[in-house]
PDB file of N, CA and C in Angstrom:
ATOM      1  N   MET A   1      26.046 -29.106 125.648  1.00  0.00           N
ATOM      2  CA  MET A   1      26.167 -30.440 125.120  1.00  0.00           C
ATOM      3  C   MET A   1      27.147 -31.242 125.975  1.00  0.00           C
ATOM      4  N   ARG A   2      28.243 -30.605 126.363  1.00  0.00           N
ATOM      5  CA  ARG A   2      29.218 -31.298 127.207  1.00  0.00           C
ATOM      6  C   ARG A   2      28.587 -31.759 128.521  1.00  0.00           C
ATOM      7  N   ARG A   3      27.749 -30.903 129.107  1.00  0.00           N
ATOM      8  CA  ARG A   3      27.106 -31.272 130.379  1.00  0.00           C
ATOM      9  C   ARG A   3      26.186 -32.469 130.188  1.00  0.00           C
ATOM     10  N   TRP A   4      25.406 -32.460 129.106  1.00  0.00           N
ATOM     11  CA  TRP A   4      24.490 -33.577 128.867  1.00  0.00           C
ATOM     12  C   TRP A   4      25.258 -34.876 128.647  1.00  0.00           C
ATOM     13  N   LEU A   5      26.344 -34.798 127.879  1.00  0.00           N
ATOM     14  CA  LEU A   5      27.123 -36.003 127.619  1.00  0.00           C
ATOM     15  C   LEU A   5      27.853 -36.471 128.876  1.00  0.00           C
ATOM     16  N   ALA A   6      28.253 -35.537 129.729  1.00  0.00           N
ATOM     17  CA  ALA A   6      28.862 -35.922 131.011  1.00  0.00           C
ATOM     18  C   ALA A   6      27.824 -36.624 131.885  1.00  0.00           C
ATOM     19  N   LEU A   7      26.584 -36.129 131.864  1.00  0.00           N
ATOM     20  CA  LEU A   7      25.498 -36.767 132.598  1.00  0.00           C
ATOM     21  C   LEU A   7      25.276 -38.187 132.087  1.00  0.00           C
ATOM     22  N   ARG A   8      25.332 -38.357 130.783  1.00  0.00           N
ATOM     23  CA  ARG A   8      25.180 -39.685 130.171  1.00  0.00           C
ATOM     24  C   ARG A   8      26.253 -40.637 130.704  1.00  0.00           C
ATOM     25  N   GLU A   9      27.490 -40.170 130.719  1.00  0.00           N
ATOM     26  CA  GLU A   9      28.597 -40.995 131.215  1.00  0.00           C
ATOM     27  C   GLU A   9      28.401 -41.329 132.699  1.00  0.00           C
ATOM     28  N   LYS A  10      28.077 -40.311 133.476  1.00  0.00           N
ATOM     29  CA  LYS A  10      27.946 -40.466 134.929  1.00  0.00           C
ATOM     30  C   LYS A  10      26.854 -41.468 135.289  1.00  0.00           C
ATOM     31  N   ARG A  11      25.723 -41.386 134.589  1.00  0.00           N
ATOM     32  CA  ARG A  11      24.574 -42.234 134.922  1.00  0.00           C
ATOM     33  C   ARG A  11      24.476 -43.493 134.066  1.00  0.00           C
ATOM     34  N   GLY A  12      25.374 -43.639 133.102  1.00  0.00           N
ATOM     35  CA  GLY A  12      25.357 -44.830 132.253  1.00  0.00           C
ATOM     36  C   GLY A  12      24.150 -44.891 131.335  1.00  0.00           C
ATOM     37  N   LEU A  13      23.700 -43.724 130.859  1.00  0.00           N
ATOM     38  CA  LEU A  13      22.530 -43.658 129.987  1.00  0.00           C
ATOM     39  C   LEU A  13      22.907 -43.987 128.547  1.00  0.00           C
ATOM     40  N   THR A  14      21.964 -44.517 127.807  1.00  0.00           N
ATOM     41  CA  THR A  14      22.142 -44.675 126.364  1.00  0.00           C
ATOM     42  C   THR A  14      21.829 -43.333 125.717  1.00  0.00           C
ATOM     43  N   PHE A  15      22.194 -43.197 124.441  1.00  0.00           N
ATOM     44  CA  PHE A  15      21.838 -41.965 123.733  1.00  0.00           C
ATOM     45  C   PHE A  15      20.321 -41.819 123.670  1.00  0.00           C
ATOM     46  N   GLY A  16      19.602 -42.919 123.514  1.00  0.00           N
ATOM     47  CA  GLY A  16      18.139 -42.880 123.469  1.00  0.00           C
ATOM     48  C   GLY A  16      17.546 -42.378 124.773  1.00  0.00           C
ATOM     49  N   GLU A  17      18.081 -42.843 125.895  1.00  0.00           N
ATOM     50  CA  GLU A  17      17.585 -42.396 127.199  1.00  0.00           C
ATOM     51  C   GLU A  17      17.890 -40.914 127.418  1.00  0.00           C
ATOM     52  N   LEU A  18      19.092 -40.495 127.051  1.00  0.00           N
ATOM     53  CA  LEU A  18      19.446 -39.089 127.184  1.00  0.00           C
ATOM     54  C   LEU A  18      18.586 -38.236 126.266  1.00  0.00           C
ATOM     55  N   SER A  19      18.291 -38.742 125.086  1.00  0.00           N
ATOM     56  CA  SER A  19      17.434 -38.032 124.145  1.00  0.00           C
ATOM     57  C   SER A  19      16.054 -37.793 124.748  1.00  0.00           C
ATOM     58  N   GLN A  20      15.505 -38.801 125.396  1.00  0.00           N
ATOM     59  CA  GLN A  20      14.188 -38.656 126.022  1.00  0.00           C
ATOM     60  C   GLN A  20      14.221 -37.608 127.125  1.00  0.00           C
ATOM     61  N   ARG A  21      15.307 -37.534 127.877  1.00  0.00           N
ATOM     62  CA  ARG A  21      15.418 -36.567 128.974  1.00  0.00           C
ATOM     63  C   ARG A  21      15.615 -35.138 128.480  1.00  0.00           C
ATOM     64  N   THR A  22      16.381 -34.982 127.392  1.00  0.00           N
ATOM     65  CA  THR A  22      16.764 -33.638 126.944  1.00  0.00           C
ATOM     66  C   THR A  22      15.946 -33.123 125.771  1.00  0.00           C
ATOM     67  N   GLY A  23      15.339 -34.042 125.005  1.00  0.00           N
ATOM     68  CA  GLY A  23      14.620 -33.624 123.797  1.00  0.00           C
ATOM     69  C   GLY A  23      15.537 -33.465 122.592  1.00  0.00           C
ATOM     70  N   VAL A  24      16.830 -33.725 122.766  1.00  0.00           N
ATOM     71  CA  VAL A  24      17.799 -33.639 121.669  1.00  0.00           C
ATOM     72  C   VAL A  24      17.812 -34.993 120.963  1.00  0.00           C
ATOM     73  N   PRO A  25      17.691 -35.030 119.628  1.00  0.00           N
ATOM     74  CA  PRO A  25      17.700 -36.310 118.924  1.00  0.00           C
ATOM     75  C   PRO A  25      18.947 -37.135 119.262  1.00  0.00           C
ATOM     76  N   SER A  26      18.772 -38.447 119.390  1.00  0.00           N
ATOM     77  CA  SER A  26      19.894 -39.316 119.769  1.00  0.00           C
ATOM     78  C   SER A  26      21.027 -39.247 118.746  1.00  0.00           C
ATOM     79  N   GLY A  27      20.705 -39.067 117.469  1.00  0.00           N
ATOM     80  CA  GLY A  27      21.742 -38.931 116.448  1.00  0.00           C
ATOM     81  C   GLY A  27      22.597 -37.690 116.664  1.00  0.00           C
ATOM     82  N   THR A  28      21.957 -36.619 117.092  1.00  0.00           N
ATOM     83  CA  THR A  28      22.682 -35.382 117.380  1.00  0.00           C
ATOM     84  C   THR A  28      23.610 -35.589 118.575  1.00  0.00           C
ATOM     85  N   LEU A  29      23.101 -36.271 119.599  1.00  0.00           N
ATOM     86  CA  LEU A  29      23.936 -36.554 120.773  1.00  0.00           C
ATOM     87  C   LEU A  29      25.133 -37.419 120.392  1.00  0.00           C
ATOM     88  N   GLY A  30      24.890 -38.432 119.568  1.00  0.00           N
ATOM     89  CA  GLY A  30      25.975 -39.295 119.123  1.00  0.00           C
ATOM     90  C   GLY A  30      27.012 -38.536 118.325  1.00  0.00           C
ATOM     91  N   HIS A  31      26.533 -37.650 117.463  1.00  0.00           N
ATOM     92  CA  HIS A  31      27.459 -36.845 116.658  1.00  0.00           C
ATOM     93  C   HIS A  31      28.329 -35.974 117.563  1.00  0.00           C
ATOM     94  N   TRP A  32      27.712 -35.326 118.546  1.00  0.00           N
ATOM     95  CA  TRP A  32      28.474 -34.469 119.448  1.00  0.00           C
ATOM     96  C   TRP A  32      29.455 -35.269 120.276  1.00  0.00           C
ATOM     97  N   ALA A  33      29.069 -36.464 120.698  1.00  0.00           N
ATOM     98  CA  ALA A  33      30.000 -37.311 121.455  1.00  0.00           C
ATOM     99  C   ALA A  33      31.224 -37.613 120.595  1.00  0.00           C
ATOM    100  N   TRP A  34      30.976 -37.961 119.324  1.00  0.00           N
ATOM    101  CA  TRP A  34      32.077 -38.223 118.394  1.00  0.00           C
ATOM    102  C   TRP A  34      32.935 -36.979 118.213  1.00  0.00           C
ATOM    103  N   LYS A  35      32.287 -35.846 117.981  1.00  0.00           N
ATOM    104  CA  LYS A  35      33.000 -34.596 117.721  1.00  0.00           C
ATOM    105  C   LYS A  35      33.878 -34.212 118.918  1.00  0.00           C
ATOM    106  N   LEU A  36      33.338 -34.360 120.117  1.00  0.00           N
ATOM    107  CA  LEU A  36      34.106 -34.010 121.308  1.00  0.00           C
ATOM    108  C   LEU A  36      35.256 -34.989 121.541  1.00  0.00           C
ATOM    109  N   ARG A  37      35.070 -36.256 121.186  1.00  0.00           N
ATOM    110  CA  ARG A  37      36.183 -37.215 121.265  1.00  0.00           C
ATOM    111  C   ARG A  37      37.284 -36.822 120.286  1.00  0.00           C
ATOM    112  N   GLN A  38      36.894 -36.428 119.068  1.00  0.00           N
ATOM    113  CA  GLN A  38      37.883 -35.995 118.075  1.00  0.00           C
ATOM    114  C   GLN A  38      38.638 -34.769 118.577  1.00  0.00           C
ATOM    115  N   GLU A  39      37.901 -33.844 119.167  1.00  0.00           N
ATOM    116  CA  GLU A  39      38.514 -32.624 119.693  1.00  0.00           C
ATOM    117  C   GLU A  39      39.510 -32.961 120.811  1.00  0.00           C
ATOM    118  N   ALA A  40      39.138 -33.900 121.671  1.00  0.00           N
ATOM    119  CA  ALA A  40      40.013 -34.290 122.770  1.00  0.00           C
ATOM    120  C   ALA A  40      41.296 -34.934 122.254  1.00  0.00           C
ATOM    121  N   ARG A  41      41.209 -35.622 121.114  1.00  0.00           N
ATOM    122  CA  ARG A  41      42.385 -36.254 120.513  1.00  0.00           C
ATOM    123  C   ARG A  41      43.211 -35.259 119.708  1.00  0.00           C
ATOM    124  N   GLY A  42      42.682 -34.046 119.538  1.00  0.00           N
ATOM    125  CA  GLY A  42      43.411 -33.039 118.786  1.00  0.00           C
ATOM    126  C   GLY A  42      43.147 -33.070 117.303  1.00  0.00           C
ATOM    127  N   THR A  43      42.096 -33.797 116.869  1.00  0.00           N
ATOM    128  CA  THR A  43      41.734 -33.812 115.454  1.00  0.00           C
ATOM    129  C   THR A  43      40.355 -33.217 115.309  1.00  0.00           C
ATOM    130  N   LYS A  44      40.134 -32.568 114.200  1.00  0.00           N
ATOM    131  CA  LYS A  44      38.848 -31.941 113.949  1.00  0.00           C
ATOM    132  C   LYS A  44      37.916 -32.849 113.171  1.00  0.00           C
ATOM    133  N   GLY A  45      38.447 -33.870 112.530  1.00  0.00           N
ATOM    134  CA  GLY A  45      37.599 -34.729 111.718  1.00  0.00           C
ATOM    135  C   GLY A  45      37.132 -34.049 110.453  1.00  0.00           C
ATOM    136  N   GLN A  46      37.803 -32.959 110.085  1.00  0.00           N
ATOM    137  CA  GLN A  46      37.407 -32.206 108.900  1.00  0.00           C
ATOM    138  C   GLN A  46      38.626 -31.994 108.018  1.00  0.00           C
ATOM    139  N   ALA A  47      38.402 -32.062 106.728  1.00  0.00           N
ATOM    140  CA  ALA A  47      39.504 -31.881 105.780  1.00  0.00           C
ATOM    141  C   ALA A  47      40.128 -30.500 105.924  1.00  0.00           C
ATOM    142  N   SER A  48      39.327 -29.498 106.207  1.00  0.00           N
ATOM    143  CA  SER A  48      39.824 -28.134 106.279  1.00  0.00           C
ATOM    144  C   SER A  48      40.469 -27.807 107.609  1.00  0.00           C
ATOM    145  N   GLY A  49      40.231 -28.648 108.628  1.00  0.00           N
ATOM    146  CA  GLY A  49      40.725 -28.353 109.959  1.00  0.00           C
ATOM    147  C   GLY A  49      39.976 -27.216 110.597  1.00  0.00           C
ATOM    148  N   GLY A  50      38.901 -26.805 110.056  1.00  0.00           N
ATOM    149  CA  GLY A  50      38.098 -25.683 110.428  1.00  0.00           C
ATOM    150  C   GLY A  50      37.285 -25.890 111.672  1.00  0.00           C
ATOM    151  N   GLY A  51      36.402 -25.660 112.202  1.00  0.00           N
ATOM    152  CA  GLY A  51      35.510 -25.824 113.310  1.00  0.00           C
ATOM    153  C   GLY A  51      34.125 -25.580 112.833  1.00  0.00           C
ATOM    154  N   PHE A  52      33.436 -24.807 113.562  1.00  0.00           N
ATOM    155  CA  PHE A  52      32.050 -24.540 113.223  1.00  0.00           C
ATOM    156  C   PHE A  52      31.955 -23.311 112.323  1.00  0.00           C
ATOM    157  N   VAL A  53      30.963 -23.299 111.504  1.00  0.00           N
ATOM    158  CA  VAL A  53      30.732 -22.173 110.600  1.00  0.00           C
ATOM    159  C   VAL A  53      29.327 -21.664 110.846  1.00  0.00           C
ATOM    160  N   GLU A  54      29.191 -20.371 111.061  1.00  0.00           N
ATOM    161  CA  GLU A  54      27.875 -19.780 111.262  1.00  0.00           C
ATOM    162  C   GLU A  54      27.172 -19.663 109.915  1.00  0.00           C
ATOM    163  N   LEU A  55      25.918 -20.081 109.866  1.00  0.00           N
ATOM    164  CA  LEU A  55      25.116 -19.953 108.654  1.00  0.00           C
ATOM    165  C   LEU A  55      24.203 -18.749 108.814  1.00  0.00           C
ATOM    166  N   VAL A  56      24.233 -17.859 107.836  1.00  0.00           N
ATOM    167  CA  VAL A  56      23.405 -16.662 107.868  1.00  0.00           C
ATOM    168  C   VAL A  56      22.623 -16.592 106.573  1.00  0.00           C
ATOM    169  N   ALA A  57      21.295 -16.521 106.674  1.00  0.00           N
ATOM    170  CA  ALA A  57      20.459 -16.411 105.479  1.00  0.00           C
ATOM    171  C   ALA A  57      20.532 -14.991 104.942  1.00  0.00           C
ATOM    172  N   ARG A  58      20.804 -14.869 103.658  1.00  0.00           N
ATOM    173  CA  ARG A  58      20.819 -13.553 103.025  1.00  0.00           C
ATOM    174  C   ARG A  58      19.395 -13.153 102.687  1.00  0.00           C
ATOM    175  N   THR A  59      19.108 -11.883 102.830  1.00  0.00           N
ATOM    176  CA  THR A  59      17.759 -11.409 102.518  1.00  0.00           C
ATOM    177  C   THR A  59      17.692 -10.699 101.176  1.00  0.00           C
ATOM    178  N   SER A  60      18.864 -10.364 100.593  1.00  0.00           N
ATOM    179  CA  SER A  60      18.864  -9.742  99.266  1.00  0.00           C
ATOM    180  C   SER A  60      20.196 -10.023  98.587  1.00  0.00           C
ATOM    181  N   GLY A  61      20.214  -9.817  97.278  1.00  0.00           N
ATOM    182  CA  GLY A  61      21.437 -10.015  96.509  1.00  0.00           C
ATOM    183  C   GLY A  61      21.651 -11.459  96.115  1.00  0.00           C
ATOM    184  N   PRO A  62      22.798 -11.754  95.478  1.00  0.00           N
ATOM    185  CA  PRO A  62      23.091 -13.126  95.047  1.00  0.00           C
ATOM    186  C   PRO A  62      23.106 -14.073  96.245  1.00  0.00           C
ATOM    187  N   GLY A  63      22.491 -15.196  96.098  1.00  0.00           N
ATOM    188  CA  GLY A  63      22.442 -16.189  97.164  1.00  0.00           C
ATOM    189  C   GLY A  63      21.414 -15.904  98.225  1.00  0.00           C
ATOM    190  N   ALA A  64      20.523 -14.937  97.967  1.00  0.00           N
ATOM    191  CA  ALA A  64      19.504 -14.595  98.954  1.00  0.00           C
ATOM    192  C   ALA A  64      18.571 -15.771  99.186  1.00  0.00           C
ATOM    193  N   ALA A  65      18.015 -15.831 100.373  1.00  0.00           N
ATOM    194  CA  ALA A  65      17.080 -16.905 100.709  1.00  0.00           C
ATOM    195  C   ALA A  65      15.879 -16.835  99.781  1.00  0.00           C
ATOM    196  N   PRO A  66      15.536 -17.937  99.105  1.00  0.00           N
ATOM    197  CA  PRO A  66      14.404 -17.927  98.180  1.00  0.00           C
ATOM    198  C   PRO A  66      13.085 -17.743  98.906  1.00  0.00           C
ATOM    199  N   GLU A  67      12.214 -16.991  98.300  1.00  0.00           N
ATOM    200  CA  GLU A  67      10.901 -16.737  98.895  1.00  0.00           C
ATOM    201  C   GLU A  67       9.940 -17.888  98.653  1.00  0.00           C
ATOM    202  N   ALA A  68      10.096 -18.570  97.527  1.00  0.00           N
ATOM    203  CA  ALA A  68       9.151 -19.623  97.170  1.00  0.00           C
ATOM    204  C   ALA A  68       9.411 -20.885  97.970  1.00  0.00           C
ATOM    205  N   ALA A  69       8.340 -21.464  98.518  1.00  0.00           N
ATOM    206  CA  ALA A  69       8.464 -22.734  99.231  1.00  0.00           C
ATOM    207  C   ALA A  69       8.915 -23.801  98.251  1.00  0.00           C
ATOM    208  N   GLY A  70       9.734 -24.691  98.692  1.00  0.00           N
ATOM    209  CA  GLY A  70      10.194 -25.776  97.836  1.00  0.00           C
ATOM    210  C   GLY A  70      11.430 -25.451  97.029  1.00  0.00           C
ATOM    211  N   ALA A  71      11.975 -24.245  97.178  1.00  0.00           N
ATOM    212  CA  ALA A  71      13.203 -23.905  96.462  1.00  0.00           C
ATOM    213  C   ALA A  71      14.333 -24.788  96.980  1.00  0.00           C
ATOM    214  N   PRO A  72      15.272 -25.178  96.135  1.00  0.00           N
ATOM    215  CA  PRO A  72      16.325 -26.104  96.567  1.00  0.00           C
ATOM    216  C   PRO A  72      17.219 -25.535  97.661  1.00  0.00           C
ATOM    217  N   ILE A  73      17.710 -26.433  98.491  1.00  0.00           N
ATOM    218  CA  ILE A  73      18.681 -26.111  99.539  1.00  0.00           C
ATOM    219  C   ILE A  73      19.921 -26.942  99.237  1.00  0.00           C
ATOM    220  N   GLU A  74      21.083 -26.297  99.243  1.00  0.00           N
ATOM    221  CA  GLU A  74      22.328 -27.010  98.999  1.00  0.00           C
ATOM    222  C   GLU A  74      23.166 -26.983 100.266  1.00  0.00           C
ATOM    223  N   ILE A  75      23.614 -28.164 100.698  1.00  0.00           N
ATOM    224  CA  ILE A  75      24.425 -28.290 101.900  1.00  0.00           C
ATOM    225  C   ILE A  75      25.790 -28.815 101.481  1.00  0.00           C
ATOM    226  N   MET A  76      26.830 -28.029 101.740  1.00  0.00           N
ATOM    227  CA  MET A  76      28.189 -28.430 101.403  1.00  0.00           C
ATOM    228  C   MET A  76      28.787 -29.159 102.601  1.00  0.00           C
ATOM    229  N   LEU A  77      29.352 -30.331 102.339  1.00  0.00           N
ATOM    230  CA  LEU A  77      29.928 -31.164 103.385  1.00  0.00           C
ATOM    231  C   LEU A  77      31.437 -31.243 103.232  1.00  0.00           C
ATOM    232  N   GLU A  78      32.065 -31.948 104.150  1.00  0.00           N
ATOM    233  CA  GLU A  78      33.508 -32.153 104.101  1.00  0.00           C
ATOM    234  C   GLU A  78      33.894 -32.899 102.837  1.00  0.00           C
ATOM    235  N   ARG A  79      35.143 -32.783 102.478  1.00  0.00           N
ATOM    236  CA  ARG A  79      35.727 -33.498 101.340  1.00  0.00           C
ATOM    237  C   ARG A  79      34.969 -33.248 100.037  1.00  0.00           C
ATOM    238  N   GLY A  80      34.389 -32.058  99.895  1.00  0.00           N
ATOM    239  CA  GLY A  80      33.744 -31.689  98.649  1.00  0.00           C
ATOM    240  C   GLY A  80      32.380 -32.315  98.401  1.00  0.00           C
ATOM    241  N   ARG A  81      31.837 -33.036  99.367  1.00  0.00           N
ATOM    242  CA  ARG A  81      30.518 -33.641  99.174  1.00  0.00           C
ATOM    243  C   ARG A  81      29.442 -32.594  99.371  1.00  0.00           C
ATOM    244  N   ARG A  82      28.315 -32.801  98.712  1.00  0.00           N
ATOM    245  CA  ARG A  82      27.202 -31.869  98.879  1.00  0.00           C
ATOM    246  C   ARG A  82      25.884 -32.619  98.778  1.00  0.00           C
ATOM    247  N   VAL A  83      24.882 -32.038  99.403  1.00  0.00           N
ATOM    248  CA  VAL A  83      23.525 -32.583  99.381  1.00  0.00           C
ATOM    249  C   VAL A  83      22.627 -31.469  98.888  1.00  0.00           C
ATOM    250  N   VAL A  84      21.803 -31.753  97.887  1.00  0.00           N
ATOM    251  CA  VAL A  84      20.855 -30.775  97.374  1.00  0.00           C
ATOM    252  C   VAL A  84      19.465 -31.376  97.541  1.00  0.00           C
ATOM    253  N   VAL A  85      18.592 -30.640  98.221  1.00  0.00           N
ATOM    254  CA  VAL A  85      17.235 -31.126  98.477  1.00  0.00           C
ATOM    255  C   VAL A  85      16.237 -30.013  98.225  1.00  0.00           C
ATOM    256  N   SER A  86      14.998 -30.403  98.064  1.00  0.00           N
ATOM    257  CA  SER A  86      13.920 -29.433  97.929  1.00  0.00           C
ATOM    258  C   SER A  86      13.750 -28.732  99.270  1.00  0.00           C
ATOM    259  N   GLY A  87      13.312 -27.499  99.267  1.00  0.00           N
ATOM    260  CA  GLY A  87      13.090 -26.746 100.494  1.00  0.00           C
ATOM    261  C   GLY A  87      12.010 -27.346 101.362  1.00  0.00           C
ATOM    262  N   GLU A  88      11.206 -28.236 100.813  1.00  0.00           N
ATOM    263  CA  GLU A  88      10.130 -28.859 101.573  1.00  0.00           C
ATOM    264  C   GLU A  88      10.488 -30.278 101.991  1.00  0.00           C
ATOM    265  N   VAL A  89      11.781 -30.573 102.107  1.00  0.00           N
ATOM    266  CA  VAL A  89      12.232 -31.913 102.472  1.00  0.00           C
ATOM    267  C   VAL A  89      11.780 -32.253 103.893  1.00  0.00           C
ATOM    268  N   ASP A  90      11.506 -33.527 104.118  1.00  0.00           N
ATOM    269  CA  ASP A  90      11.131 -34.003 105.436  1.00  0.00           C
ATOM    270  C   ASP A  90      12.344 -33.879 106.361  1.00  0.00           C
ATOM    271  N   GLU A  91      12.189 -33.166 107.450  1.00  0.00           N
ATOM    272  CA  GLU A  91      13.300 -32.888 108.358  1.00  0.00           C
ATOM    273  C   GLU A  91      13.905 -34.167 108.936  1.00  0.00           C
ATOM    274  N   VAL A  92      13.073 -35.119 109.303  1.00  0.00           N
ATOM    275  CA  VAL A  92      13.564 -36.378 109.877  1.00  0.00           C
ATOM    276  C   VAL A  92      14.395 -37.143 108.845  1.00  0.00           C
ATOM    277  N   ALA A  93      13.910 -37.200 107.611  1.00  0.00           N
ATOM    278  CA  ALA A  93      14.641 -37.910 106.561  1.00  0.00           C
ATOM    279  C   ALA A  93      15.982 -37.231 106.284  1.00  0.00           C
ATOM    280  N   LEU A  94      15.995 -35.903 106.225  1.00  0.00           N
ATOM    281  CA  LEU A  94      17.241 -35.178 105.978  1.00  0.00           C
ATOM    282  C   LEU A  94      18.225 -35.400 107.113  1.00  0.00           C
ATOM    283  N   GLU A  95      17.749 -35.370 108.339  1.00  0.00           N
ATOM    284  CA  GLU A  95      18.627 -35.609 109.488  1.00  0.00           C
ATOM    285  C   GLU A  95      19.245 -37.003 109.410  1.00  0.00           C
ATOM    286  N   ARG A  96      18.457 -37.992 109.009  1.00  0.00           N
ATOM    287  CA  ARG A  96      18.949 -39.364 108.871  1.00  0.00           C
ATOM    288  C   ARG A  96      20.044 -39.435 107.804  1.00  0.00           C
ATOM    289  N   VAL A  97      19.826 -38.777 106.671  1.00  0.00           N
ATOM    290  CA  VAL A  97      20.820 -38.777 105.592  1.00  0.00           C
ATOM    291  C   VAL A  97      22.119 -38.119 106.063  1.00  0.00           C
ATOM    292  N   LEU A  98      22.008 -37.001 106.757  1.00  0.00           N
ATOM    293  CA  LEU A  98      23.203 -36.300 107.222  1.00  0.00           C
ATOM    294  C   LEU A  98      23.949 -37.111 108.275  1.00  0.00           C
ATOM    295  N   ARG A  99      23.224 -37.833 109.129  1.00  0.00           N
ATOM    296  CA  ARG A  99      23.877 -38.707 110.112  1.00  0.00           C
ATOM    297  C   ARG A  99      24.679 -39.802 109.425  1.00  0.00           C
ATOM    298  N   VAL A 100      24.085 -40.406 108.395  1.00  0.00           N
ATOM    299  CA  VAL A 100      24.767 -41.461 107.654  1.00  0.00           C
ATOM    300  C   VAL A 100      26.004 -40.898 106.974  1.00  0.00           C
ATOM    301  N   LEU A 101      25.880 -39.734 106.361  1.00  0.00           N
ATOM    302  CA  LEU A 101      27.028 -39.124 105.674  1.00  0.00           C
ATOM    303  C   LEU A 101      28.140 -38.760 106.658  1.00  0.00           C
ATOM    304  N   ALA A 102      27.774 -38.375 107.867  1.00  0.00           N
ATOM    305  CA  ALA A 102      28.785 -38.014 108.870  1.00  0.00           C
ATOM    306  C   ALA A 102      29.641 -39.214 109.261  1.00  0.00           C
ATOM    307  N   ARG A 103      29.066 -40.421 109.141  1.00  0.00           N
ATOM    308  CA  ARG A 103      29.807 -41.640 109.483  1.00  0.00           C
ATOM    309  C   ARG A 103      30.724 -42.088 108.365  1.00  0.00           C
ATOM    310  N   CYS A 104      30.540 -41.563 107.168  1.00  0.00           N
ATOM    311  CA  CYS A 104      31.336 -41.999 106.022  1.00  0.00           C
ATOM    312  C   CYS A 104      32.715 -41.391 106.022  1.00  0.00           C
TER     313      CYS A 104
END
C-alpha cells in the first residue's frame, strides 16, 4: 500500500486514477493514505491505540461462522460503534457505509 501511495504522490495521480491502475477501490486507498498520515504523526486514530486485528472465522463452538446464508454479521468499530448486517449484504453498499463511518 505504501508503494502504491508513493506512486500516487510521485505521479500526481488522483485516488480514482490509482484505483484504475491497481484495482484497489479508491475509498480503500484514501483510508490507507489517512491511516499512514496518522501513523506518521504518531497517532493511531483509534480509541484503544491498538493497530490491526486479525479476523479468524471460527468453525465450531460459540461464535462459530454460521452455515446459513443471510445470517447476521456484526462489525465492531472504534468508540463502541457497531454495524450489524445480513450476511447477504451488498458488498459495495457495506464498503460505502464503512467509509462514511471511518470519517466520523
